[in-house]
Amino acid sequence: MDDSTKKELQSATFERLVHHLRERKDVQNIDLMNLAGFCRNCLSKWYREEAQKKGVEISDPDARKHVYGMSYEDWKKKYQK
């Protein structure tokens, strides 16, 4: 597999994971941390850090919005228990 295809597959997999987590609003971040060792906030932090490596500045709120599908504040109000 060439690098381009590999990166496309990795990107699609990441977006699929993000979509899955957006749909599973019943799963709390603390549950993810306890079971998997990462949560939605970790994903948004990793997304922001990888962008920085490429010289792209993404704010923490914008990175979280990408992962949550809405502002973090809105998500907390609607779904955090």
Protein backbone atom coordinates (compact mmCIF):
# COMPACT_ATOMS: atom_id res chain seq x y z
CA MET A 1 0.00 0.00 0.00
CA ASP A 2 1.40 3.40 -0.92
CA ASP A 3 1.63 6.25 1.61
CA SER A 4 -1.12 8.28 -0.01
CA THR A 5 -3.62 5.44 0.22
CA LYS A 6 -2.54 4.68 3.77
CA LYS A 7 -3.09 8.30 4.82
CA GLU A 8 -6.50 8.39 3.12
CA LEU A 9 -7.56 5.25 4.98
CA GLN A 10 -6.28 6.61 8.29
CA SER A 11 -8.11 9.89 7.73
CA ALA A 12 -11.35 8.11 6.84
CA THR A 13 -11.00 5.88 9.90
CA PHE A 14 -10.47 8.90 12.16
CA GLU A 15 -13.55 10.63 10.72
CA ARG A 16 -15.55 7.42 11.19
CA LEU A 17 -14.47 7.24 14.84
CA VAL A 18 -15.42 10.90 15.36
CA HIS A 19 -18.82 10.27 13.74
CA HIS A 20 -19.34 7.20 15.94
CA LEU A 21 -18.56 9.19 19.09
CA ARG A 22 -20.90 11.99 17.99
CA GLU A 23 -23.68 9.42 17.66
CA ARG A 24 -22.89 7.78 21.02
CA LYS A 25 -23.73 10.74 23.20
CA ASP A 26 -24.72 8.30 25.92
CA VAL A 27 -21.06 7.36 26.38
CA GLN A 28 -19.47 9.85 28.74
CA ASN A 29 -15.85 10.94 28.48
CA ILE A 30 -15.11 9.50 31.92
CA ASP A 31 -16.35 6.12 30.67
CA LEU A 32 -14.04 6.34 27.68
CA MET A 33 -11.11 7.32 29.89
CA ASN A 34 -11.74 4.46 32.30
CA LEU A 35 -12.12 1.83 29.59
CA ALA A 36 -9.91 3.03 26.74
CA GLY A 37 -7.51 5.54 28.27
CA PHE A 38 -8.64 8.36 25.98
CA CYS A 39 -11.74 10.48 25.42
CA ARG A 40 -13.18 13.02 23.02
CA ASN A 41 -11.03 15.76 24.56
CA CYS A 42 -7.92 13.64 23.96
CA LEU A 43 -8.89 13.24 20.31
CA SER A 44 -9.38 16.98 19.91
CA LYS A 45 -6.01 17.64 21.58
CA TRP A 46 -4.27 15.14 19.29
CA TYR A 47 -5.98 16.69 16.27
CA ARG A 48 -4.77 20.16 17.28
CA GLU A 49 -1.22 18.90 17.99
CA GLU A 50 -0.98 17.16 14.61
CA ALA A 51 -2.15 20.33 12.90
CA GLN A 52 0.55 22.31 14.71
CA LYS A 53 3.19 19.86 13.41
CA LYS A 54 2.04 20.82 9.90
CA GLY A 55 2.16 24.54 10.70
CA VAL A 56 -1.63 24.83 10.96
CA GLU A 57 -2.98 26.62 14.00
CA ILE A 58 -6.29 25.31 15.31
CA SER A 59 -7.69 26.65 18.54
CA ASP A 60 -8.70 24.25 21.29
CA PRO A 61 -12.39 25.22 20.94
CA ASP A 62 -12.26 24.64 17.16
CA ALA A 63 -10.57 21.26 17.58
CA ARG A 64 -13.20 20.23 20.12
CA LYS A 65 -15.96 21.42 17.79
CA HIS A 66 -14.54 19.14 15.10
CA VAL A 67 -14.71 16.14 17.44
CA TYR A 68 -17.98 16.94 19.23
CA GLY A 69 -19.85 18.30 16.21
CA MET A 70 -20.81 21.37 18.27
CA SER A 71 -19.17 23.60 20.83
CA TYR A 72 -17.90 21.79 23.90
CA GLU A 73 -20.07 24.01 26.11
CA ASP A 74 -23.20 23.06 24.15
CA TRP A 75 -22.31 19.37 24.29
CA LYS A 76 -21.79 19.52 28.06
CA LYS A 77 -25.13 21.25 28.59
CA LYS A 78 -27.00 18.74 26.43
CA TYR A 79 -25.27 15.43 27.16
CA GLN A 80 -22.87 15.48 30.08
CA LYS A 81 -24.31 13.73 33.10
